């Protein structure tokens, strides 16, 4: 998550609010599958369900959590799927025709 700039370097743009850092936070799935977590890196911090977390904090994100920073606000909905079920269609790719520059157009992903 990060501030919207003229060159997109974030997966989730949070708007052009100067209170939001270019790389404000990173959301990730725990390696043991225990849930979603967020590492806060923005200087102005972030609120999760009205609890404030400063830069450097790591916080678990429960289902239906509300994230707020500056003028940005969103709700996190964690999908529940059955074991072995794929929640989206995976396209068949021909490795001979795959253009990585088109598949991954940004130099850096957050």
PDB file of N, CA and C in Angstrom:
ATOM      1  N   UNK A   1       0.850  -1.159   0.000  1.00  0.00           N
ATOM      2  CA  UNK A   1       0.000   0.000   0.000  1.00  0.00           C
ATOM      3  C   UNK A   1       0.900   1.227   0.000  1.00  0.00           C
ATOM      4  N   UNK A   2       0.513   2.252  -0.771  1.00  0.00           N
ATOM      5  CA  UNK A   2       1.337   3.452  -0.787  1.00  0.00           C
ATOM      6  C   UNK A   2       0.683   4.607  -1.509  1.00  0.00           C
ATOM      7  N   UNK A   3       1.329   5.767  -1.393  1.00  0.00           N
ATOM      8  CA  UNK A   3       0.824   6.991  -2.014  1.00  0.00           C
ATOM      9  C   UNK A   3       0.839   6.858  -3.523  1.00  0.00           C
ATOM     10  N   UNK A   4      -0.188   7.386  -4.153  1.00  0.00           N
ATOM     11  CA  UNK A   4      -0.273   7.410  -5.605  1.00  0.00           C
ATOM     12  C   UNK A   4       0.719   8.438  -6.128  1.00  0.00           C
ATOM     13  N   UNK A   5       1.551   8.009  -7.072  1.00  0.00           N
ATOM     14  CA  UNK A   5       2.514   8.913  -7.701  1.00  0.00           C
ATOM     15  C   UNK A   5       2.335   8.810  -9.208  1.00  0.00           C
ATOM     16  N   UNK A   6       3.100   9.605  -9.952  1.00  0.00           N
ATOM     17  CA  UNK A   6       2.981   9.576 -11.410  1.00  0.00           C
ATOM     18  C   UNK A   6       3.509   8.263 -11.992  1.00  0.00           C
ATOM     19  N   UNK A   7       4.386   7.588 -11.271  1.00  0.00           N
ATOM     20  CA  UNK A   7       4.900   6.290 -11.693  1.00  0.00           C
ATOM     21  C   UNK A   7       4.449   5.259 -10.657  1.00  0.00           C
ATOM     22  N   UNK A   8       3.533   4.357 -11.022  1.00  0.00           N
ATOM     23  CA  UNK A   8       3.007   3.417 -10.039  1.00  0.00           C
ATOM     24  C   UNK A   8       4.033   2.374  -9.599  1.00  0.00           C
ATOM     25  N   UNK A   9       4.292   2.319  -8.311  1.00  0.00           N
ATOM     26  CA  UNK A   9       5.197   1.331  -7.737  1.00  0.00           C
ATOM     27  C   UNK A   9       4.527   0.576  -6.604  1.00  0.00           C
ATOM     28  N   UNK A  10       3.228   0.712  -6.459  1.00  0.00           N
ATOM     29  CA  UNK A  10       2.520   0.020  -5.388  1.00  0.00           C
ATOM     30  C   UNK A  10       1.373  -0.797  -5.965  1.00  0.00           C
ATOM     31  N   UNK A  11       1.033  -1.879  -5.296  1.00  0.00           N
ATOM     32  CA  UNK A  11      -0.086  -2.711  -5.738  1.00  0.00           C
ATOM     33  C   UNK A  11      -1.423  -2.098  -5.359  1.00  0.00           C
ATOM     34  N   UNK A  12      -1.464  -1.387  -4.222  1.00  0.00           N
ATOM     35  CA  UNK A  12      -2.702  -0.750  -3.760  1.00  0.00           C
ATOM     36  C   UNK A  12      -2.433   0.735  -3.550  1.00  0.00           C
ATOM     37  N   UNK A  13      -2.797   1.584  -4.533  1.00  0.00           N
ATOM     38  CA  UNK A  13      -2.604   3.023  -4.373  1.00  0.00           C
ATOM     39  C   UNK A  13      -3.581   3.586  -3.346  1.00  0.00           C
ATOM     40  N   UNK A  14      -3.063   4.418  -2.448  1.00  0.00           N
ATOM     41  CA  UNK A  14      -3.863   4.974  -1.351  1.00  0.00           C
ATOM     42  C   UNK A  14      -4.249   6.427  -1.574  1.00  0.00           C
ATOM     43  N   UNK A  15      -3.998   6.957  -2.764  1.00  0.00           N
ATOM     44  CA  UNK A  15      -4.313   8.355  -3.034  1.00  0.00           C
ATOM     45  C   UNK A  15      -3.068   9.219  -2.942  1.00  0.00           C
ATOM     46  N   UNK A  16      -3.230  10.499  -3.247  1.00  0.00           N
ATOM     47  CA  UNK A  16      -2.098  11.425  -3.306  1.00  0.00           C
ATOM     48  C   UNK A  16      -1.893  12.207  -2.010  1.00  0.00           C
ATOM     49  N   UNK A  17      -2.544  11.831  -0.949  1.00  0.00           N
ATOM     50  CA  UNK A  17      -2.434  12.508   0.352  1.00  0.00           C
ATOM     51  C   UNK A  17      -0.976  12.532   0.815  1.00  0.00           C
ATOM     52  N   UNK A  18      -0.420  13.729   1.126  1.00  0.00           N
ATOM     53  CA  UNK A  18       0.976  13.810   1.568  1.00  0.00           C
ATOM     54  C   UNK A  18       1.234  13.114   2.914  1.00  0.00           C
ATOM     55  N   UNK A  19       0.192  12.777   3.666  1.00  0.00           N
ATOM     56  CA  UNK A  19       0.352  12.031   4.924  1.00  0.00           C
ATOM     57  C   UNK A  19       0.682  10.566   4.673  1.00  0.00           C
ATOM     58  N   UNK A  20       0.520  10.131   3.423  1.00  0.00           N
ATOM     59  CA  UNK A  20       0.753   8.727   3.074  1.00  0.00           C
ATOM     60  C   UNK A  20       2.105   8.606   2.382  1.00  0.00           C
ATOM     61  N   UNK A  21       2.914   7.664   2.857  1.00  0.00           N
ATOM     62  CA  UNK A  21       4.241   7.439   2.275  1.00  0.00           C
ATOM     63  C   UNK A  21       4.125   6.689   0.954  1.00  0.00           C
ATOM     64  N   UNK A  22       5.184   6.770   0.137  1.00  0.00           N
ATOM     65  CA  UNK A  22       5.191   6.059  -1.142  1.00  0.00           C
ATOM     66  C   UNK A  22       5.048   4.551  -0.920  1.00  0.00           C
ATOM     67  N   UNK A  23       5.629   4.047   0.146  1.00  0.00           N
ATOM     68  CA  UNK A  23       5.491   2.645   0.536  1.00  0.00           C
ATOM     69  C   UNK A  23       5.033   2.641   1.988  1.00  0.00           C
ATOM     70  N   UNK A  24       3.742   2.807   2.192  1.00  0.00           N
ATOM     71  CA  UNK A  24       3.183   3.035   3.523  1.00  0.00           C
ATOM     72  C   UNK A  24       3.088   1.759   4.359  1.00  0.00           C
ATOM     73  N   UNK A  25       2.704   0.651   3.734  1.00  0.00           N
ATOM     74  CA  UNK A  25       2.561  -0.606   4.476  1.00  0.00           C
ATOM     75  C   UNK A  25       2.615  -1.779   3.506  1.00  0.00           C
ATOM     76  N   UNK A  26       2.954  -2.941   4.052  1.00  0.00           N
ATOM     77  CA  UNK A  26       2.985  -4.174   3.276  1.00  0.00           C
ATOM     78  C   UNK A  26       2.098  -5.194   3.973  1.00  0.00           C
ATOM     79  N   UNK A  27       1.187  -5.791   3.218  1.00  0.00           N
ATOM     80  CA  UNK A  27       0.310  -6.834   3.754  1.00  0.00           C
ATOM     81  C   UNK A  27       0.811  -8.169   3.222  1.00  0.00           C
ATOM     82  N   UNK A  28       0.907  -9.141   4.121  1.00  0.00           N
ATOM     83  CA  UNK A  28       1.410 -10.450   3.710  1.00  0.00           C
ATOM     84  C   UNK A  28       0.700 -11.559   4.470  1.00  0.00           C
ATOM     85  N   UNK A  29       0.729 -12.761   3.893  1.00  0.00           N
ATOM     86  CA  UNK A  29       0.166 -13.947   4.518  1.00  0.00           C
ATOM     87  C   UNK A  29       1.281 -14.620   5.301  1.00  0.00           C
ATOM     88  N   UNK A  30       1.011 -14.970   6.552  1.00  0.00           N
ATOM     89  CA  UNK A  30       2.015 -15.657   7.370  1.00  0.00           C
ATOM     90  C   UNK A  30       2.419 -16.963   6.692  1.00  0.00           C
ATOM     91  N   UNK A  31       3.690 -17.306   6.773  1.00  0.00           N
ATOM     92  CA  UNK A  31       4.178 -18.510   6.102  1.00  0.00           C
ATOM     93  C   UNK A  31       3.511 -19.784   6.617  1.00  0.00           C
ATOM     94  N   UNK A  32       3.028 -19.769   7.841  1.00  0.00           N
ATOM     95  CA  UNK A  32       2.338 -20.947   8.378  1.00  0.00           C
ATOM     96  C   UNK A  32       0.837 -20.902   8.095  1.00  0.00           C
ATOM     97  N   UNK A  33       0.386 -19.867   7.352  1.00  0.00           N
ATOM     98  CA  UNK A  33      -1.020 -19.752   6.980  1.00  0.00           C
ATOM     99  C   UNK A  33      -1.924 -19.288   8.099  1.00  0.00           C
ATOM    100  N   UNK A  34      -1.355 -18.740   9.163  1.00  0.00           N
ATOM    101  CA  UNK A  34      -2.162 -18.350  10.320  1.00  0.00           C
ATOM    102  C   UNK A  34      -2.945 -17.060  10.137  1.00  0.00           C
ATOM    103  N   UNK A  35      -2.749 -16.369   9.031  1.00  0.00           N
ATOM    104  CA  UNK A  35      -3.531 -15.161   8.790  1.00  0.00           C
ATOM    105  C   UNK A  35      -2.757 -14.090   8.062  1.00  0.00           C
ATOM    106  N   UNK A  36      -3.445 -12.968   7.847  1.00  0.00           N
ATOM    107  CA  UNK A  36      -2.828 -11.807   7.198  1.00  0.00           C
ATOM    108  C   UNK A  36      -2.188 -10.917   8.250  1.00  0.00           C
ATOM    109  N   UNK A  37      -1.039 -10.372   7.877  1.00  0.00           N
ATOM    110  CA  UNK A  37      -0.323  -9.441   8.747  1.00  0.00           C
ATOM    111  C   UNK A  37       0.076  -8.228   7.936  1.00  0.00           C
ATOM    112  N   UNK A  38       0.406  -7.153   8.623  1.00  0.00           N
ATOM    113  CA  UNK A  38       0.824  -5.937   7.955  1.00  0.00           C
ATOM    114  C   UNK A  38       2.050  -5.382   8.659  1.00  0.00           C
ATOM    115  N   UNK A  39       3.032  -4.960   7.862  1.00  0.00           N
ATOM    116  CA  UNK A  39       4.183  -4.241   8.389  1.00  0.00           C
ATOM    117  C   UNK A  39       3.993  -2.784   8.012  1.00  0.00           C
ATOM    118  N   UNK A  40       3.956  -1.923   8.984  1.00  0.00           N
ATOM    119  CA  UNK A  40       3.740  -0.491   8.765  1.00  0.00           C
ATOM    120  C   UNK A  40       5.094   0.181   8.548  1.00  0.00           C
ATOM    121  N   UNK A  41       5.232   0.920   7.439  1.00  0.00           N
ATOM    122  CA  UNK A  41       6.481   1.626   7.183  1.00  0.00           C
ATOM    123  C   UNK A  41       6.279   3.127   6.990  1.00  0.00           C
ATOM    124  N   UNK A  42       5.039   3.585   6.882  1.00  0.00           N
ATOM    125  CA  UNK A  42       4.765   5.012   6.715  1.00  0.00           C
ATOM    126  C   UNK A  42       5.011   5.796   7.993  1.00  0.00           C
ATOM    127  N   UNK A  43       5.623   6.959   7.853  1.00  0.00           N
ATOM    128  CA  UNK A  43       5.967   7.787   9.012  1.00  0.00           C
ATOM    129  C   UNK A  43       4.759   8.187   9.844  1.00  0.00           C
ATOM    130  N   UNK A  44       3.590   8.340   9.202  1.00  0.00           N
ATOM    131  CA  UNK A  44       2.397   8.761   9.947  1.00  0.00           C
ATOM    132  C   UNK A  44       1.594   7.571  10.495  1.00  0.00           C
ATOM    133  N   UNK A  45       2.102   6.345  10.287  1.00  0.00           N
ATOM    134  CA  UNK A  45       1.424   5.178  10.839  1.00  0.00           C
ATOM    135  C   UNK A  45       0.113   4.861  10.132  1.00  0.00           C
ATOM    136  N   UNK A  46      -0.646   3.936  10.734  1.00  0.00           N
ATOM    137  CA  UNK A  46      -1.924   3.507  10.158  1.00  0.00           C
ATOM    138  C   UNK A  46      -2.835   3.034  11.279  1.00  0.00           C
ATOM    139  N   UNK A  47      -4.138   3.157  11.069  1.00  0.00           N
ATOM    140  CA  UNK A  47      -5.117   2.660  12.038  1.00  0.00           C
ATOM    141  C   UNK A  47      -5.736   1.380  11.492  1.00  0.00           C
ATOM    142  N   UNK A  48      -5.823   0.386  12.373  1.00  0.00           N
ATOM    143  CA  UNK A  48      -6.515  -0.861  12.069  1.00  0.00           C
ATOM    144  C   UNK A  48      -7.628  -0.976  13.096  1.00  0.00           C
ATOM    145  N   UNK A  49      -8.872  -0.918  12.627  1.00  0.00           N
ATOM    146  CA  UNK A  49     -10.035  -0.950  13.530  1.00  0.00           C
ATOM    147  C   UNK A  49      -9.906   0.090  14.646  1.00  0.00           C
ATOM    148  N   UNK A  50      -9.496   1.294  14.268  1.00  0.00           N
ATOM    149  CA  UNK A  50      -9.336   2.445  15.163  1.00  0.00           C
ATOM    150  C   UNK A  50      -8.205   2.317  16.170  1.00  0.00           C
ATOM    151  N   UNK A  51      -7.368   1.291  16.071  1.00  0.00           N
ATOM    152  CA  UNK A  51      -6.164   1.180  16.893  1.00  0.00           C
ATOM    153  C   UNK A  51      -4.990   1.685  16.066  1.00  0.00           C
ATOM    154  N   UNK A  52      -4.211   2.624  16.621  1.00  0.00           N
ATOM    155  CA  UNK A  52      -3.106   3.234  15.898  1.00  0.00           C
ATOM    156  C   UNK A  52      -1.840   2.386  16.008  1.00  0.00           C
ATOM    157  N   UNK A  53      -1.149   2.214  14.853  1.00  0.00           N
ATOM    158  CA  UNK A  53       0.123   1.511  14.804  1.00  0.00           C
ATOM    159  C   UNK A  53       1.141   2.400  14.122  1.00  0.00           C
ATOM    160  N   UNK A  54       2.289   2.600  14.760  1.00  0.00           N
ATOM    161  CA  UNK A  54       3.320   3.482  14.214  1.00  0.00           C
ATOM    162  C   UNK A  54       4.245   2.717  13.269  1.00  0.00           C
ATOM    163  N   UNK A  55       5.082   3.468  12.559  1.00  0.00           N
ATOM    164  CA  UNK A  55       6.040   2.877  11.634  1.00  0.00           C
ATOM    165  C   UNK A  55       6.893   1.851  12.369  1.00  0.00           C
ATOM    166  N   UNK A  56       7.140   0.718  11.724  1.00  0.00           N
ATOM    167  CA  UNK A  56       7.916  -0.361  12.326  1.00  0.00           C
ATOM    168  C   UNK A  56       7.056  -1.429  12.976  1.00  0.00           C
ATOM    169  N   UNK A  57       5.763  -1.128  13.172  1.00  0.00           N
ATOM    170  CA  UNK A  57       4.855  -2.092  13.800  1.00  0.00           C
ATOM    171  C   UNK A  57       4.512  -3.207  12.840  1.00  0.00           C
ATOM    172  N   UNK A  58       4.274  -4.372  13.417  1.00  0.00           N
ATOM    173  CA  UNK A  58       3.716  -5.515  12.680  1.00  0.00           C
ATOM    174  C   UNK A  58       2.429  -5.873  13.397  1.00  0.00           C
ATOM    175  N   UNK A  59       1.358  -6.015  12.619  1.00  0.00           N
ATOM    176  CA  UNK A  59       0.046  -6.233  13.230  1.00  0.00           C
ATOM    177  C   UNK A  59      -0.737  -7.283  12.443  1.00  0.00           C
ATOM    178  N   UNK A  60      -1.450  -8.139  13.167  1.00  0.00           N
ATOM    179  CA  UNK A  60      -2.326  -9.124  12.525  1.00  0.00           C
ATOM    180  C   UNK A  60      -3.572  -8.385  12.045  1.00  0.00           C
ATOM    181  N   UNK A  61      -4.064  -8.756  10.870  1.00  0.00           N
ATOM    182  CA  UNK A  61      -5.249  -8.118  10.305  1.00  0.00           C
ATOM    183  C   UNK A  61      -6.396  -9.122  10.316  1.00  0.00           C
ATOM    184  N   UNK A  62      -7.326  -8.975  11.253  1.00  0.00           N
ATOM    185  CA  UNK A  62      -8.477  -9.884  11.278  1.00  0.00           C
ATOM    186  C   UNK A  62      -9.432  -9.605  10.107  1.00  0.00           C
ATOM    187  N   UNK A  63     -10.283 -10.593   9.800  1.00  0.00           N
ATOM    188  CA  UNK A  63     -11.291 -10.422   8.759  1.00  0.00           C
ATOM    189  C   UNK A  63     -12.176  -9.226   9.097  1.00  0.00           C
ATOM    190  N   UNK A  64     -12.605  -8.521   8.079  1.00  0.00           N
ATOM    191  CA  UNK A  64     -13.477  -7.337   8.190  1.00  0.00           C
ATOM    192  C   UNK A  64     -12.796  -6.165   8.900  1.00  0.00           C
ATOM    193  N   UNK A  65     -11.462  -6.113   8.858  1.00  0.00           N
ATOM    194  CA  UNK A  65     -10.728  -4.997   9.463  1.00  0.00           C
ATOM    195  C   UNK A  65     -10.836  -3.763   8.595  1.00  0.00           C
ATOM    196  N   UNK A  66     -10.869  -2.604   9.221  1.00  0.00           N
ATOM    197  CA  UNK A  66     -10.846  -1.328   8.523  1.00  0.00           C
ATOM    198  C   UNK A  66      -9.460  -0.715   8.683  1.00  0.00           C
ATOM    199  N   UNK A  67      -8.832  -0.365   7.551  1.00  0.00           N
ATOM    200  CA  UNK A  67      -7.532   0.295   7.553  1.00  0.00           C
ATOM    201  C   UNK A  67      -7.736   1.763   7.215  1.00  0.00           C
ATOM    202  N   UNK A  68      -7.078   2.650   7.970  1.00  0.00           N
ATOM    203  CA  UNK A  68      -7.186   4.089   7.715  1.00  0.00           C
ATOM    204  C   UNK A  68      -5.814   4.740   7.838  1.00  0.00           C
ATOM    205  N   UNK A  69      -5.500   5.590   6.849  1.00  0.00           N
ATOM    206  CA  UNK A  69      -4.289   6.404   6.875  1.00  0.00           C
ATOM    207  C   UNK A  69      -4.573   7.643   6.050  1.00  0.00           C
ATOM    208  N   UNK A  70      -4.359   8.812   6.623  1.00  0.00           N
ATOM    209  CA  UNK A  70      -4.672  10.047   5.907  1.00  0.00           C
ATOM    210  C   UNK A  70      -6.116  10.032   5.456  1.00  0.00           C
ATOM    211  N   UNK A  71      -6.355  10.310   4.164  1.00  0.00           N
ATOM    212  CA  UNK A  71      -7.711  10.289   3.605  1.00  0.00           C
ATOM    213  C   UNK A  71      -8.125   8.910   3.093  1.00  0.00           C
ATOM    214  N   UNK A  72      -7.245   7.920   3.229  1.00  0.00           N
ATOM    215  CA  UNK A  72      -7.506   6.579   2.714  1.00  0.00           C
ATOM    216  C   UNK A  72      -8.194   5.717   3.765  1.00  0.00           C
ATOM    217  N   UNK A  73      -9.153   4.922   3.299  1.00  0.00           N
ATOM    218  CA  UNK A  73      -9.841   3.970   4.174  1.00  0.00           C
ATOM    219  C   UNK A  73     -10.294   2.788   3.329  1.00  0.00           C
ATOM    220  N   UNK A  74     -10.150   1.579   3.868  1.00  0.00           N
ATOM    221  CA  UNK A  74     -10.647   0.393   3.175  1.00  0.00           C
ATOM    222  C   UNK A  74     -10.954  -0.697   4.192  1.00  0.00           C
ATOM    223  N   UNK A  75     -11.760  -1.670   3.762  1.00  0.00           N
ATOM    224  CA  UNK A  75     -12.064  -2.819   4.601  1.00  0.00           C
ATOM    225  C   UNK A  75     -11.421  -4.052   3.975  1.00  0.00           C
ATOM    226  N   UNK A  76     -10.814  -4.876   4.809  1.00  0.00           N
ATOM    227  CA  UNK A  76     -10.188  -6.113   4.363  1.00  0.00           C
ATOM    228  C   UNK A  76     -11.161  -7.266   4.574  1.00  0.00           C
ATOM    229  N   UNK A  77     -11.547  -7.921   3.483  1.00  0.00           N
ATOM    230  CA  UNK A  77     -12.404  -9.101   3.544  1.00  0.00           C
ATOM    231  C   UNK A  77     -11.558 -10.304   3.169  1.00  0.00           C
ATOM    232  N   UNK A  78     -11.408 -11.230   4.083  1.00  0.00           N
ATOM    233  CA  UNK A  78     -10.597 -12.418   3.838  1.00  0.00           C
ATOM    234  C   UNK A  78     -11.513 -13.523   3.336  1.00  0.00           C
ATOM    235  N   UNK A  79     -11.251 -13.991   2.122  1.00  0.00           N
ATOM    236  CA  UNK A  79     -12.081 -15.037   1.515  1.00  0.00           C
ATOM    237  C   UNK A  79     -11.846 -16.368   2.212  1.00  0.00           C
ATOM    238  N   UNK A  80     -12.900 -17.115   2.387  1.00  0.00           N
ATOM    239  CA  UNK A  80     -12.818 -18.458   2.953  1.00  0.00           C
ATOM    240  C   UNK A  80     -12.971 -19.452   1.809  1.00  0.00           C
ATOM    241  N   UNK A  81     -11.993 -20.323   1.642  1.00  0.00           N
ATOM    242  CA  UNK A  81     -12.083 -21.328   0.599  1.00  0.00           C
ATOM    243  C   UNK A  81     -11.845 -22.706   1.201  1.00  0.00           C
ATOM    244  N   UNK A  82     -12.348 -23.720   0.516  1.00  0.00           N
ATOM    245  CA  UNK A  82     -12.136 -25.094   0.961  1.00  0.00           C
ATOM    246  C   UNK A  82     -10.736 -25.529   0.565  1.00  0.00           C
ATOM    247  N   UNK A  83     -10.154 -26.413   1.364  1.00  0.00           N
ATOM    248  CA  UNK A  83      -8.817 -26.901   1.063  1.00  0.00           C
ATOM    249  C   UNK A  83      -8.798 -27.543  -0.325  1.00  0.00           C
ATOM    250  N   UNK A  84      -7.811 -27.189  -1.119  1.00  0.00           N
ATOM    251  CA  UNK A  84      -7.681 -27.723  -2.465  1.00  0.00           C
ATOM    252  C   UNK A  84      -8.446 -26.934  -3.519  1.00  0.00           C
ATOM    253  N   UNK A  85      -9.332 -26.027  -3.087  1.00  0.00           N
ATOM    254  CA  UNK A  85     -10.115 -25.225  -4.021  1.00  0.00           C
ATOM    255  C   UNK A  85      -9.301 -24.018  -4.471  1.00  0.00           C
ATOM    256  N   UNK A  86      -9.389 -23.683  -5.743  1.00  0.00           N
ATOM    257  CA  UNK A  86      -8.703 -22.503  -6.270  1.00  0.00           C
ATOM    258  C   UNK A  86      -9.755 -21.407  -6.421  1.00  0.00           C
ATOM    259  N   UNK A  87      -9.589 -20.254  -5.743  1.00  0.00           N
ATOM    260  CA  UNK A  87     -10.631 -19.225  -5.744  1.00  0.00           C
ATOM    261  C   UNK A  87     -10.713 -18.386  -7.008  1.00  0.00           C
ATOM    262  N   UNK A  88      -9.870 -18.643  -7.980  1.00  0.00           N
ATOM    263  CA  UNK A  88      -9.895 -17.868  -9.213  1.00  0.00           C
ATOM    264  C   UNK A  88      -9.403 -18.749 -10.351  1.00  0.00           C
ATOM    265  N   UNK A  89      -9.709 -18.358 -11.557  1.00  0.00           N
ATOM    266  CA  UNK A  89      -9.267 -19.124 -12.725  1.00  0.00           C
ATOM    267  C   UNK A  89      -7.807 -18.816 -13.023  1.00  0.00           C
ATOM    268  N   UNK A  90      -7.031 -19.835 -13.236  1.00  0.00           N
ATOM    269  CA  UNK A  90      -5.626 -19.656 -13.599  1.00  0.00           C
ATOM    270  C   UNK A  90      -5.498 -19.883 -15.101  1.00  0.00           C
ATOM    271  N   UNK A  91      -5.108 -18.839 -15.843  1.00  0.00           N
ATOM    272  CA  UNK A  91      -5.002 -19.014 -17.296  1.00  0.00           C
ATOM    273  C   UNK A  91      -3.839 -19.931 -17.651  1.00  0.00           C
ATOM    274  N   UNK A  92      -4.007 -20.663 -18.730  1.00  0.00           N
ATOM    275  CA  UNK A  92      -2.922 -21.511 -19.224  1.00  0.00           C
ATOM    276  C   UNK A  92      -1.963 -20.618 -20.001  1.00  0.00           C
ATOM    277  N   UNK A  93      -0.711 -20.677 -19.653  1.00  0.00           N
ATOM    278  CA  UNK A  93       0.291 -19.845 -20.310  1.00  0.00           C
ATOM    279  C   UNK A  93       1.220 -20.714 -21.139  1.00  0.00           C
ATOM    280  N   UNK A  94       1.505 -20.251 -22.333  1.00  0.00           N
ATOM    281  CA  UNK A  94       2.475 -20.914 -23.183  1.00  0.00           C
ATOM    282  C   UNK A  94       3.828 -20.246 -22.918  1.00  0.00           C
ATOM    283  N   UNK A  95       4.779 -20.973 -22.290  1.00  0.00           N
ATOM    284  CA  UNK A  95       6.067 -20.355 -21.955  1.00  0.00           C
ATOM    285  C   UNK A  95       6.804 -19.787 -23.160  1.00  0.00           C
ATOM    286  N   UNK A  96       6.538 -20.354 -24.336  1.00  0.00           N
ATOM    287  CA  UNK A  96       7.199 -19.858 -25.546  1.00  0.00           C
ATOM    288  C   UNK A  96       6.684 -18.483 -25.943  1.00  0.00           C
ATOM    289  N   UNK A  97       5.467 -18.152 -25.542  1.00  0.00           N
ATOM    290  CA  UNK A  97       4.852 -16.884 -25.934  1.00  0.00           C
ATOM    291  C   UNK A  97       4.766 -15.884 -24.782  1.00  0.00           C
ATOM    292  N   UNK A  98       5.236 -16.267 -23.616  1.00  0.00           N
ATOM    293  CA  UNK A  98       5.127 -15.414 -22.436  1.00  0.00           C
ATOM    294  C   UNK A  98       6.083 -14.230 -22.536  1.00  0.00           C
ATOM    295  N   UNK A  99       5.545 -13.034 -22.393  1.00  0.00           N
ATOM    296  CA  UNK A  99       6.332 -11.813 -22.408  1.00  0.00           C
ATOM    297  C   UNK A  99       6.380 -11.285 -20.971  1.00  0.00           C
ATOM    298  N   UNK A 100       7.498 -11.492 -20.276  1.00  0.00           N
ATOM    299  CA  UNK A 100       7.592 -11.087 -18.873  1.00  0.00           C
ATOM    300  C   UNK A 100       7.477  -9.583 -18.689  1.00  0.00           C
ATOM    301  N   UNK A 101       7.887  -8.809 -19.670  1.00  0.00           N
ATOM    302  CA  UNK A 101       7.763  -7.357 -19.562  1.00  0.00           C
ATOM    303  C   UNK A 101       6.297  -6.948 -19.498  1.00  0.00           C
ATOM    304  N   UNK A 102       5.426  -7.676 -20.199  1.00  0.00           N
ATOM    305  CA  UNK A 102       4.000  -7.377 -20.136  1.00  0.00           C
ATOM    306  C   UNK A 102       3.378  -7.947 -18.867  1.00  0.00           C
ATOM    307  N   UNK A 103       3.818  -9.146 -18.461  1.00  0.00           N
ATOM    308  CA  UNK A 103       3.258  -9.774 -17.270  1.00  0.00           C
ATOM    309  C   UNK A 103       3.653  -9.024 -16.003  1.00  0.00           C
ATOM    310  N   UNK A 104       4.867  -8.461 -15.969  1.00  0.00           N
ATOM    311  CA  UNK A 104       5.360  -7.738 -14.799  1.00  0.00           C
ATOM    312  C   UNK A 104       5.909  -6.394 -15.244  1.00  0.00           C
ATOM    313  N   UNK A 105       5.017  -5.402 -15.501  1.00  0.00           N
ATOM    314  CA  UNK A 105       5.479  -4.147 -16.105  1.00  0.00           C
ATOM    315  C   UNK A 105       6.243  -3.228 -15.157  1.00  0.00           C
ATOM    316  N   UNK A 106       6.233  -3.482 -13.851  1.00  0.00           N
ATOM    317  CA  UNK A 106       6.907  -2.572 -12.923  1.00  0.00           C
ATOM    318  C   UNK A 106       8.235  -3.147 -12.489  1.00  0.00           C
ATOM    319  N   UNK A 107       9.198  -2.276 -12.273  1.00  0.00           N
ATOM    320  CA  UNK A 107      10.511  -2.718 -11.821  1.00  0.00           C
ATOM    321  C   UNK A 107      10.463  -3.190 -10.366  1.00  0.00           C
ATOM    322  N   UNK A 108       9.640  -2.550  -9.577  1.00  0.00           N
ATOM    323  CA  UNK A 108       9.574  -2.834  -8.148  1.00  0.00           C
ATOM    324  C   UNK A 108       8.123  -3.013  -7.738  1.00  0.00           C
ATOM    325  N   UNK A 109       7.825  -4.018  -6.911  1.00  0.00           N
ATOM    326  CA  UNK A 109       6.464  -4.268  -6.451  1.00  0.00           C
ATOM    327  C   UNK A 109       6.466  -4.176  -4.930  1.00  0.00           C
ATOM    328  N   UNK A 110       5.408  -3.583  -4.374  1.00  0.00           N
ATOM    329  CA  UNK A 110       5.273  -3.489  -2.922  1.00  0.00           C
ATOM    330  C   UNK A 110       4.041  -4.231  -2.496  1.00  0.00           C
TER     331      UNK A 110
END
